[in-house]
C-alpha atoms as a PDB file:
ATOM      1  CA  MET A   1       1.155  -7.327  18.047  1.00  0.00           C
ATOM      2  CA  PHE A   2      -2.031  -7.941  16.071  1.00  0.00           C
ATOM      3  CA  ASP A   3      -1.454  -4.687  14.164  1.00  0.00           C
ATOM      4  CA  TRP A   4       1.886  -5.987  12.875  1.00  0.00           C
ATOM      5  CA  VAL A   5       0.417  -9.347  11.863  1.00  0.00           C
ATOM      6  CA  PHE A   6      -2.472  -7.616  10.108  1.00  0.00           C
ATOM      7  CA  ALA A   7      -0.095  -5.236   8.326  1.00  0.00           C
ATOM      8  CA  PHE A   8       2.155  -8.044   7.062  1.00  0.00           C
ATOM      9  CA  LEU A   9      -0.793 -10.164   5.896  1.00  0.00           C
ATOM     10  CA  HIS A  10      -2.287  -7.138   4.193  1.00  0.00           C
ATOM     11  CA  MET A  11       1.014  -6.309   2.482  1.00  0.00           C
ATOM     12  CA  GLY A  12       1.302  -9.923   1.371  1.00  0.00           C
ATOM     13  CA  ALA A  13      -2.166  -9.809  -0.157  1.00  0.00           C
ATOM     14  CA  LEU A  14      -1.372  -6.580  -1.997  1.00  0.00           C
ATOM     15  CA  LEU A  15       1.894  -8.019  -3.321  1.00  0.00           C
ATOM     16  CA  ALA A  16       0.090 -11.205  -4.372  1.00  0.00           C
ATOM     17  CA  ALA A  17      -2.465  -9.147  -6.310  1.00  0.00           C
ATOM     18  CA  LEU A  18       0.356  -7.200  -7.946  1.00  0.00           C
ATOM     19  CA  GLY A  19       2.120 -10.453  -8.802  1.00  0.00           C
ATOM     20  CA  TYR A  20      -1.057 -11.835 -10.322  1.00  0.00           C
ATOM     21  CA  ALA A  21      -1.429  -8.676 -12.394  1.00  0.00           C
ATOM     22  CA  VAL A  22       2.100  -9.090 -13.762  1.00  0.00           C
ATOM     23  CA  TYR A  23       1.436 -12.788 -14.376  1.00  0.00           C
ATOM     24  CA  SER A  24      -1.699 -11.885 -16.318  1.00  0.00           C
ATOM     25  CA  LEU A  25       0.276  -9.439 -18.425  1.00  0.00           C
ATOM     26  CA  VAL A  26       2.945 -12.048 -19.180  1.00  0.00           C
ATOM     27  CA  ARG A  27       0.253 -14.586 -20.100  1.00  0.00           C
ATOM     28  CA  GLY A  28      -1.176 -12.139 -22.616  1.00  0.00           C
ATOM     29  CA  SER A  29      -4.070 -10.470 -20.846  1.00  0.00           C
ATOM     30  CA  PRO A  30      -3.273  -6.751 -20.792  1.00  0.00           C
ATOM     31  CA  LEU A  31      -6.894  -5.832 -20.042  1.00  0.00           C
ATOM     32  CA  ARG A  32      -6.872  -7.890 -16.834  1.00  0.00           C
ATOM     33  CA  PHE A  33      -3.477  -6.391 -15.914  1.00  0.00           C
ATOM     34  CA  ALA A  34      -4.764  -2.851 -16.444  1.00  0.00           C
ATOM     35  CA  LEU A  35      -7.916  -3.522 -14.428  1.00  0.00           C
ATOM     36  CA  ILE A  36      -6.008  -4.981 -11.467  1.00  0.00           C
ATOM     37  CA  ILE A  37      -3.459  -2.149 -11.499  1.00  0.00           C
ATOM     38  CA  LEU A  38      -6.236   0.438 -11.737  1.00  0.00           C
ATOM     39  CA  LEU A  39      -8.089  -1.106  -8.794  1.00  0.00           C
ATOM     40  CA  LEU A  40      -4.907  -1.404  -6.703  1.00  0.00           C
ATOM     41  CA  GLY A  41      -4.024   2.222  -7.434  1.00  0.00           C
ATOM     42  CA  THR A  42      -7.517   3.372  -6.517  1.00  0.00           C
ATOM     43  CA  TYR A  43      -7.413   1.338  -3.316  1.00  0.00           C
ATOM     44  CA  TYR A  44      -4.053   2.813  -2.367  1.00  0.00           C
ATOM     45  CA  TYR A  45      -5.082   6.379  -3.118  1.00  0.00           C
ATOM     46  CA  PHE A  46      -8.407   6.348  -1.271  1.00  0.00           C
ATOM     47  CA  ILE A  47      -7.713   3.917   1.575  1.00  0.00           C
ATOM     48  CA  LEU A  48      -3.995   3.751   2.314  1.00  0.00           C
ATOM     49  CA  HIS A  49      -2.616   7.120   1.211  1.00  0.00           C
ATOM     50  CA  PRO A  50      -4.414   9.265   3.835  1.00  0.00           C
ATOM     51  CA  ALA A  51      -3.114   6.965   6.591  1.00  0.00           C
ATOM     52  CA  VAL A  52       0.416   7.159   5.172  1.00  0.00           C
ATOM     53  CA  LEU A  53       0.269  10.960   5.136  1.00  0.00           C
ATOM     54  CA  ASN A  54      -1.007  11.017   8.722  1.00  0.00           C
ATOM     55  CA  GLU A  55       1.805   8.718   9.848  1.00  0.00           C
ATOM     56  CA  ILE A  56       4.433  10.880   8.129  1.00  0.00           C
ATOM     57  CA  ALA A  57       3.023  14.000   9.807  1.00  0.00           C
ATOM     58  CA  ARG A  58       2.939  12.233  13.179  1.00  0.00           C
ATOM     59  CA  ARG A  59       6.563  11.134  12.896  1.00  0.00           C
ATOM     60  CA  ARG A  60       7.679  14.604  11.847  1.00  0.00           C
ATOM     61  CA  SER A  61       5.919  16.160  14.824  1.00  0.00           C
ATOM     62  CA  VAL A  62       7.441  13.619  17.212  1.00  0.00           C
ATOM     63  CA  ARG A  63      10.892  14.179  15.717  1.00  0.00           C
ATOM     64  CA  GLY A  64      10.424  17.954  15.936  1.00  0.00           C
ATOM     65  CA  ARG A  65       9.453  17.719  19.606  1.00  0.00           C
ATOM     66  CA  ASN A  66      12.477  15.549  20.372  1.00  0.00           C
ATOM     67  CA  ARG A  67      14.866  18.007  18.742  1.00  0.00           C
ATOM     68  CA  GLY A  68      13.506  20.920  20.743  1.00  0.00           C
ATOM     69  CA  SER A  69      14.312  19.225  24.054  1.00  0.00           C
END
């Protein structure tokens, strides 16, 4: 249960940061927008992306095992 709560809070924080980046762009601060987007992209690539790839591989292997039965 805690994993789901953590995931939703984490997603909310990421969406809030993205929203703030867009808000900064609308308010006329493209440098701040670019910096936030760059940092979010870096965070995703180095922290979240490997876990996403592992989860995709895990689900494919589970689905492949279920089909073979």
